[in-house]
Protein backbone atom coordinates (compact mmCIF):
# COMPACT_ATOMS: atom_id res chain seq x y z
CA MET A 1 60.77 103.72 8.62
CA PRO A 2 57.06 104.20 9.62
CA GLU A 3 55.43 102.30 6.75
CA VAL A 4 51.66 102.23 6.32
CA THR A 5 50.45 98.75 5.43
CA THR A 6 46.74 98.93 6.28
CA PRO A 7 43.96 101.14 4.86
CA TYR A 8 43.50 104.56 6.44
CA ALA A 9 40.48 105.06 8.70
CA THR A 10 37.70 107.23 7.31
CA GLY A 11 38.51 110.93 7.73
CA THR A 12 42.26 110.42 8.09
CA PRO A 13 44.51 112.44 5.76
CA CYS A 14 45.90 109.72 3.50
CA TRP A 15 47.49 111.47 0.51
CA VAL A 16 48.67 114.85 -0.76
CA ASP A 17 49.29 116.06 -4.27
CA LEU A 18 50.33 119.13 -6.19
CA MET A 19 49.20 120.19 -9.67
CA VAL A 20 51.71 122.43 -11.46
CA LYS A 21 52.40 123.94 -14.85
CA ASP A 22 56.01 122.71 -15.03
CA GLN A 23 55.85 119.15 -13.78
CA GLN A 24 59.42 118.10 -14.54
CA ALA A 25 60.96 121.14 -12.83
CA THR A 26 58.80 120.41 -9.78
CA LEU A 27 59.79 116.74 -9.72
CA ASP A 28 63.43 117.82 -9.85
CA PHE A 29 62.91 120.34 -7.03
CA TYR A 30 61.36 117.84 -4.61
CA ARG A 31 63.89 115.17 -5.58
CA ASP A 32 66.69 117.48 -4.52
CA LEU A 33 64.91 118.85 -1.43
CA LEU A 34 63.17 115.78 0.02
CA GLY A 35 64.77 112.86 -1.78
CA TRP A 36 61.73 111.86 -3.83
CA GLN A 37 61.82 109.81 -7.02
CA GLY A 38 58.97 110.14 -9.51
CA GLN A 39 58.22 109.87 -13.20
CA PRO A 40 55.12 110.98 -15.16
CA SER A 41 52.66 108.12 -15.62
CA PRO A 42 51.14 106.95 -18.94
CA ALA A 43 48.73 109.27 -20.74
CA GLU A 44 45.69 107.29 -19.51
CA PHE A 45 46.48 108.63 -16.02
CA GLY A 46 47.13 112.15 -17.28
CA GLY A 47 50.89 111.98 -16.73
CA TYR A 48 50.37 112.07 -12.95
CA ALA A 49 53.55 111.14 -11.07
CA VAL A 50 53.43 109.13 -7.86
CA CYS A 51 56.59 110.17 -6.03
CA GLU A 52 58.40 107.66 -3.84
CA LEU A 53 60.79 107.86 -0.91
CA ASN A 54 62.99 104.77 -0.69
CA GLY A 55 60.53 102.88 -2.85
CA ARG A 56 57.38 103.88 -0.94
CA ALA A 57 54.74 106.29 -2.27
CA VAL A 58 54.71 109.66 -0.47
CA ALA A 59 52.93 112.24 -2.68
CA GLY A 60 51.68 113.01 -6.17
CA ILE A 61 52.72 115.69 -8.67
CA GLY A 62 50.65 116.30 -11.78
CA ARG A 63 50.26 118.84 -14.57
CA THR A 64 47.61 121.54 -14.56
CA THR A 65 45.44 121.76 -17.62
CA ALA A 66 43.42 124.92 -18.16
CA PRO A 67 41.00 125.42 -21.08
CA GLU A 68 42.31 127.74 -23.76
CA GLY A 69 41.88 131.36 -22.76
CA MET A 70 41.39 130.52 -19.09
CA PRO A 71 43.93 131.30 -16.35
CA GLU A 72 45.99 128.50 -14.88
CA PRO A 73 44.54 127.16 -11.61
CA PRO A 74 46.49 128.02 -8.45
CA THR A 75 49.40 125.80 -7.46
CA VAL A 76 48.43 124.31 -4.10
CA TRP A 77 49.06 121.15 -2.14
CA THR A 78 45.77 119.25 -1.69
CA SER A 79 45.14 117.03 1.32
CA TYR A 80 42.97 113.94 0.72
CA LEU A 81 40.81 112.42 3.44
CA ALA A 82 40.12 108.69 3.38
CA SER A 83 36.66 107.28 2.69
CA THR A 84 35.25 103.80 2.19
CA ASP A 85 32.53 105.16 -0.12
CA ALA A 86 33.39 108.25 -2.15
CA GLN A 87 29.89 108.62 -3.60
CA ALA A 88 28.28 108.59 -0.16
CA THR A 89 30.90 111.07 1.06
CA GLN A 90 30.19 113.34 -1.91
CA ASP A 91 26.48 113.31 -1.07
CA ALA A 92 27.25 114.09 2.57
CA ILE A 93 29.54 116.99 1.59
CA VAL A 94 26.80 118.62 -0.46
CA ALA A 95 24.16 118.00 2.23
CA ALA A 96 26.42 119.60 4.87
CA GLY A 97 26.91 122.80 2.84
CA GLY A 98 30.19 122.00 1.09
CA THR A 99 30.92 122.75 -2.55
CA LEU A 100 31.72 120.04 -5.09
CA LEU A 101 34.64 121.06 -7.35
CA ALA A 102 35.34 117.76 -9.14
CA PRO A 103 32.84 114.88 -8.79
CA VAL A 104 33.68 111.29 -8.01
CA THR A 105 36.04 109.87 -10.63
CA ASP A 106 37.49 106.38 -11.00
CA ILE A 107 41.30 106.31 -11.23
CA GLY A 108 41.70 102.95 -12.94
CA ASP A 109 41.73 100.20 -10.34
CA MET A 110 43.69 102.40 -7.92
CA GLY A 111 40.61 103.98 -6.32
CA ARG A 112 38.05 106.75 -6.57
CA MET A 113 38.49 110.44 -5.81
CA LEU A 114 36.72 113.77 -5.65
CA ILE A 115 37.64 117.36 -4.83
CA ALA A 116 35.47 119.63 -2.70
CA ALA A 117 35.56 122.72 -0.49
CA ASP A 118 34.15 123.02 3.01
CA PRO A 119 31.66 125.84 3.79
CA GLN A 120 34.53 128.19 4.72
CA GLY A 121 36.26 127.54 1.37
CA ALA A 122 39.08 125.16 2.36
CA VAL A 123 39.67 122.77 -0.54
CA PHE A 124 40.31 119.08 0.15
CA GLY A 125 40.21 115.78 -1.66
CA VAL A 126 38.54 112.48 -0.84
CA TRP A 127 40.16 109.14 -1.64
CA GLN A 128 38.43 105.77 -1.68
CA PRO A 129 41.13 103.13 -2.01
CA GLY A 130 41.18 100.38 -4.56
CA SER A 131 44.58 98.85 -5.17
CA PHE A 132 46.20 102.01 -3.75
CA SER A 133 45.47 103.18 -0.20
CA GLY A 134 47.56 106.37 -0.15
CA ALA A 135 50.88 107.37 1.38
CA GLN A 136 52.92 104.26 2.16
CA VAL A 137 55.34 105.99 4.52
CA VAL A 138 54.70 108.88 6.93
CA ASN A 139 56.38 110.65 9.85
CA GLU A 140 59.81 110.15 8.32
CA ALA A 141 62.17 112.83 6.97
CA GLY A 142 60.92 113.65 3.48
CA ALA A 143 57.45 112.22 4.10
CA LEU A 144 54.06 113.60 5.07
CA THR A 145 53.78 114.15 8.82
CA TRP A 146 50.85 116.52 9.49
CA ASN A 147 47.83 118.16 7.80
CA GLU A 148 46.45 121.38 9.24
CA LEU A 149 43.15 123.11 8.55
CA HIS A 150 43.26 126.93 8.52
CA SER A 151 39.65 128.07 8.94
CA SER A 152 37.78 131.29 9.51
CA ASP A 153 35.27 129.40 11.66
CA VAL A 154 36.64 126.37 13.48
CA LEU A 155 33.28 125.72 15.20
CA ALA A 156 31.51 125.50 11.82
CA ALA A 157 34.35 123.34 10.44
CA THR A 158 33.93 121.02 13.43
CA ALA A 159 30.28 120.53 12.55
CA PHE A 160 30.98 120.01 8.83
CA TYR A 161 33.82 117.50 9.10
CA GLY A 162 32.03 115.74 11.94
CA GLU A 163 28.90 115.29 9.86
CA VAL A 164 30.73 114.18 6.71
CA PHE A 165 33.58 112.06 8.09
CA GLY A 166 32.90 111.55 11.79
CA ILE A 167 35.99 113.64 12.53
CA GLU A 168 36.26 115.26 15.97
CA ILE A 169 37.95 118.67 16.23
CA ARG A 170 38.68 119.60 19.83
CA PRO A 171 40.89 122.13 21.62
CA LEU A 172 44.49 121.04 22.18
CA ASP A 173 45.44 120.97 25.84
CA GLY A 174 47.65 123.92 26.71
CA ALA A 175 47.00 125.83 23.46
CA ASP A 176 44.85 128.97 23.24
CA SER A 177 43.94 128.80 19.56
CA TYR A 178 44.84 125.38 18.26
CA TRP A 179 42.71 122.30 17.84
CA GLU A 180 43.36 118.60 17.24
CA VAL A 181 41.70 116.80 14.36
CA ARG A 182 40.93 113.34 15.71
CA VAL A 183 39.72 110.10 14.20
CA GLY A 184 38.67 107.82 17.02
CA ASP A 185 41.26 108.10 19.79
CA ARG A 186 44.03 109.30 17.45
CA ALA A 187 45.14 112.81 16.49
CA VAL A 188 45.56 112.84 12.70
CA GLY A 189 45.92 116.57 12.09
CA GLY A 190 45.35 120.04 13.46
CA ALA A 191 43.23 123.13 12.99
CA THR A 192 43.98 126.80 13.54
CA LEU A 193 42.41 130.20 12.98
CA LEU A 194 42.80 131.79 9.56
CA ALA A 195 43.24 135.11 11.39
CA ASN A 196 46.79 133.97 12.20
CA ASP A 197 47.68 133.92 8.48
CA PRO A 198 48.60 136.97 6.39
CA PRO A 199 45.59 139.13 5.43
CA GLY A 200 43.82 137.84 2.34
CA THR A 201 44.90 134.21 2.79
CA PRO A 202 41.98 131.91 1.89
CA ALA A 203 40.90 129.01 4.07
CA HIS A 204 43.07 125.98 3.29
CA TRP A 205 44.65 122.75 4.43
CA LEU A 206 48.42 123.10 4.98
CA THR A 207 50.68 120.11 4.24
CA TYR A 208 53.65 119.41 6.55
CA PHE A 209 56.66 117.32 5.53
CA ALA A 210 59.15 116.07 8.12
CA ALA A 211 62.79 117.18 7.95
CA ASP A 212 65.91 116.09 9.82
CA ASP A 213 67.25 119.67 9.81
CA VAL A 214 64.78 122.46 9.06
CA ASP A 215 67.39 125.21 8.75
CA SER A 216 69.58 123.38 6.24
CA SER A 217 66.46 122.35 4.30
CA VAL A 218 65.46 126.00 4.06
CA ASP A 219 68.92 126.90 2.79
CA ALA A 220 68.64 124.21 0.13
CA LEU A 221 65.14 125.36 -0.84
CA VAL A 222 66.30 128.95 -1.34
CA ARG A 223 69.23 127.82 -3.48
CA GLN A 224 66.76 125.99 -5.71
CA GLY A 225 64.53 129.03 -6.19
CA GLY A 226 61.99 128.46 -3.41
CA SER A 227 60.88 131.18 -1.01
CA VAL A 228 60.53 131.39 2.76
CA LEU A 229 57.17 132.63 4.02
CA VAL A 230 57.75 131.98 7.73
CA PRO A 231 61.42 131.61 8.81
CA PRO A 232 62.31 128.61 10.98
CA PHE A 233 61.11 128.91 14.57
CA ASP A 234 60.68 126.70 17.61
CA MET A 235 57.26 125.84 18.96
CA MET A 236 55.62 123.18 21.11
CA ALA A 237 55.61 120.48 18.41
CA GLY A 238 59.13 121.10 17.12
CA ARG A 239 61.11 123.40 14.82
CA MET A 240 59.19 124.39 11.71
CA THR A 241 58.97 126.74 8.74
CA VAL A 242 56.46 127.62 6.03
CA VAL A 243 57.84 127.87 2.52
CA ALA A 244 56.87 127.85 -1.16
CA ASP A 245 58.40 125.93 -4.03
CA PRO A 246 59.42 127.76 -7.25
CA GLN A 247 55.96 127.09 -8.74
CA GLY A 248 54.26 128.71 -5.72
CA GLY A 249 53.14 125.59 -3.87
CA VAL A 250 53.05 126.40 -0.15
CA PHE A 251 53.96 123.77 2.44
CA ALA A 252 55.51 123.47 5.88
CA MET A 253 58.55 121.55 7.05
CA ILE A 254 59.01 120.43 10.63
CA LYS A 255 61.47 118.52 12.76
CA PRO A 256 59.08 117.18 15.41
CA THR A 257 60.01 117.28 19.06
CA PRO A 258 60.83 113.71 20.18
CA MET A 259 57.92 112.21 22.08
């Protein structure tokens, strides 16, 4: 199992989480679909559940809390990018034209976080590790395997993420409209044009989880009340699908092509 035992390099997607109205139903859904185990945490951490796969942290699921009379926030998977200094990263985000949605907050001794949006509107998180560095297993069935930016202006996104995190976004060899998100000499994610999404889709980061069998996973998801947005198909990186859980959280599943 590809365990992560060292801190993530700055700019690398290191964690994903989902905030939902019905937390227990969502925990049950992902337990049955991806094999996760998770329980709500104590009240001091807002009931946030760190889900595990075979004893290793893979993702978080928390409860949304909207002020009385206000609509519930959308149910979306949020990708977190690693930072060694969340406050400095927050300052850089604002200076580069991003929007701060939730300022730097201490999460006990686990680390520090913030939520922001890039100039095109794609929401992302920032995580500065304390005792917790992020996902402890990746690239394994049921675990995080890819994070993909869907942007209306990839050139502008390249400038923004480069200025804030030192990320490089460059065209993928052999692809007409796909880019690699690179930290140093390593591809850590991808980027694509928002024009390829259904009309009206906002800029976003899409979370990919690995699956041993995409088609059977889709069948299981539908039986549990999920919905299929893009049916399984084969592409250069493997066989994949885009789906939504019963709460509306959109994510992708992929069985990567063996390297």
